[in-house]
Amino acid sequence: MYDCMNGDIAVGSTVRYAGTGSVGEVNRLEERDHELWIHLDSTGLWYATAALEVLGGQFGVNGWGRKSPEKKEWNRKLSLEELKKVEERKVEDIRRVQEITSSISAGVFG
């Protein structure tokens, strides 16, 4: 297991990519150039672990083989506090993506 944004990551972990919100199950781990990368089953793409968030059991498989929030949560009304937390999470996700893209740009163009 490897430490990620908010938890340990291993084959079988359910994760979300901060850049696009893609969710999937880790089916391979590989180290390249001293950085750990994972392969997601849902997209067939490789992701740096620094850009991933480990999710708990809050996601289930929908009919398309992708992970999505459990349906019982879709129609639930959120309290003001819950809405604030959702908004804070979005802002934090954007900040992380900006950090990742600027570090990639620095590595490519720096």
Protein backbone atom coordinates (compact mmCIF):
# COMPACT_ATOMS: atom_id res chain seq x y z
CA MET A 1 0.00 0.00 0.00
CA TYR A 2 1.12 3.53 -0.74
CA ASP A 3 0.02 6.76 0.90
CA CYS A 4 -2.08 9.02 -1.31
CA MET A 5 -3.96 12.31 -0.83
CA ASN A 6 -6.17 11.03 1.96
CA GLY A 7 -5.40 7.39 2.47
CA ASP A 8 -3.48 4.32 1.41
CA ILE A 9 -3.70 3.14 -2.16
CA ALA A 10 -3.42 -0.46 -3.33
CA VAL A 11 -4.67 -2.66 -6.14
CA GLY A 12 -8.43 -2.78 -5.65
CA SER A 13 -8.67 0.72 -4.11
CA THR A 14 -11.38 3.01 -5.45
CA VAL A 15 -9.91 6.40 -6.33
CA ARG A 16 -10.93 9.69 -7.94
CA TYR A 17 -8.66 11.70 -10.27
CA ALA A 18 -8.82 15.35 -9.17
CA GLY A 19 -8.34 16.69 -12.70
CA THR A 20 -11.53 15.32 -14.26
CA GLY A 21 -13.34 13.61 -11.41
CA SER A 22 -12.88 10.20 -13.04
CA VAL A 23 -13.49 7.40 -10.57
CA GLY A 24 -12.27 3.85 -10.90
CA GLU A 25 -10.60 0.90 -9.29
CA VAL A 26 -6.82 0.59 -9.24
CA ASN A 27 -5.78 -2.48 -11.20
CA ARG A 28 -2.00 -1.86 -11.49
CA LEU A 29 0.72 0.05 -9.63
CA GLU A 30 4.04 0.97 -11.23
CA GLU A 31 6.97 3.17 -10.28
CA ARG A 32 8.44 5.31 -13.05
CA ASP A 33 11.19 7.90 -12.58
CA HIS A 34 10.85 7.72 -8.78
CA GLU A 35 7.10 8.42 -8.93
CA LEU A 36 4.27 5.98 -8.31
CA TRP A 37 1.63 5.66 -11.04
CA ILE A 38 -1.63 3.72 -11.00
CA HIS A 39 -3.75 2.30 -13.81
CA LEU A 40 -7.53 2.79 -13.51
CA ASP A 41 -9.92 0.15 -14.77
CA SER A 42 -12.63 2.65 -15.72
CA THR A 43 -10.52 4.81 -18.05
CA GLY A 44 -7.65 2.53 -19.02
CA LEU A 45 -5.26 5.41 -18.27
CA TRP A 46 -2.27 5.88 -15.94
CA TYR A 47 -2.37 8.53 -13.18
CA ALA A 48 0.25 9.90 -10.79
CA THR A 49 -0.81 9.08 -7.23
CA ALA A 50 -0.31 12.73 -6.22
CA ALA A 51 -3.41 13.59 -8.28
CA LEU A 52 -5.66 10.91 -6.75
CA GLU A 53 -8.03 10.78 -3.84
CA VAL A 54 -8.78 7.44 -2.21
CA LEU A 55 -12.54 6.95 -1.80
CA GLY A 56 -14.29 4.79 0.75
CA GLY A 57 -17.23 2.51 0.12
CA GLN A 58 -19.42 5.42 -0.98
CA PHE A 59 -19.25 4.44 -4.66
CA GLY A 60 -20.92 1.56 -6.46
CA VAL A 61 -20.68 0.27 -10.01
CA ASN A 62 -23.33 1.54 -12.39
CA GLY A 63 -24.52 -0.25 -15.52
CA TRP A 64 -21.62 1.09 -17.59
CA GLY A 65 -18.93 -0.43 -15.40
CA ARG A 66 -17.97 2.95 -13.98
CA LYS A 67 -18.11 4.02 -10.38
CA SER A 68 -20.81 6.48 -9.34
CA PRO A 69 -22.36 7.68 -6.08
CA GLU A 70 -24.95 5.32 -4.65
CA LYS A 71 -28.36 6.28 -6.06
CA LYS A 72 -29.93 6.78 -2.64
CA GLU A 73 -27.62 9.80 -2.21
CA TRP A 74 -28.65 11.49 -5.50
CA ASN A 75 -32.02 12.81 -4.38
CA ARG A 76 -31.05 13.66 -0.82
CA LYS A 77 -31.33 17.32 0.20
CA LEU A 78 -28.14 18.77 1.61
CA SER A 79 -27.89 20.98 4.64
CA LEU A 80 -26.13 24.34 4.41
CA GLU A 81 -23.10 22.85 6.19
CA GLU A 82 -22.95 19.95 3.72
CA LEU A 83 -23.18 22.36 0.79
CA LYS A 84 -20.32 24.42 2.25
CA LYS A 85 -18.20 21.27 2.57
CA VAL A 86 -18.96 20.30 -1.05
CA GLU A 87 -17.92 23.78 -2.21
CA GLU A 88 -14.74 23.67 -0.11
CA ARG A 89 -13.89 20.29 -1.63
CA LYS A 90 -14.37 21.68 -5.14
CA VAL A 91 -12.09 24.64 -4.40
CA GLU A 92 -9.48 22.29 -2.94
CA ASP A 93 -9.70 20.02 -6.01
CA ILE A 94 -9.16 23.01 -8.29
CA ARG A 95 -6.17 24.12 -6.20
CA ARG A 96 -4.65 20.62 -6.44
CA VAL A 97 -5.12 20.50 -10.21
CA GLN A 98 -3.49 23.93 -10.53
CA GLU A 99 -0.52 22.74 -8.45
CA ILE A 100 -0.17 19.60 -10.54
CA THR A 101 -0.39 21.40 -13.88
CA SER A 102 2.06 24.11 -12.80
CA SER A 103 4.54 21.48 -11.57
CA ILE A 104 4.17 19.61 -14.86
CA SER A 105 4.64 22.84 -16.80
CA ALA A 106 7.73 23.70 -14.75
CA GLY A 107 9.15 20.27 -15.50
CA VAL A 108 8.43 20.50 -19.21
CA PHE A 109 9.19 24.15 -19.82
CA GLY A 110 11.49 24.90 -16.86
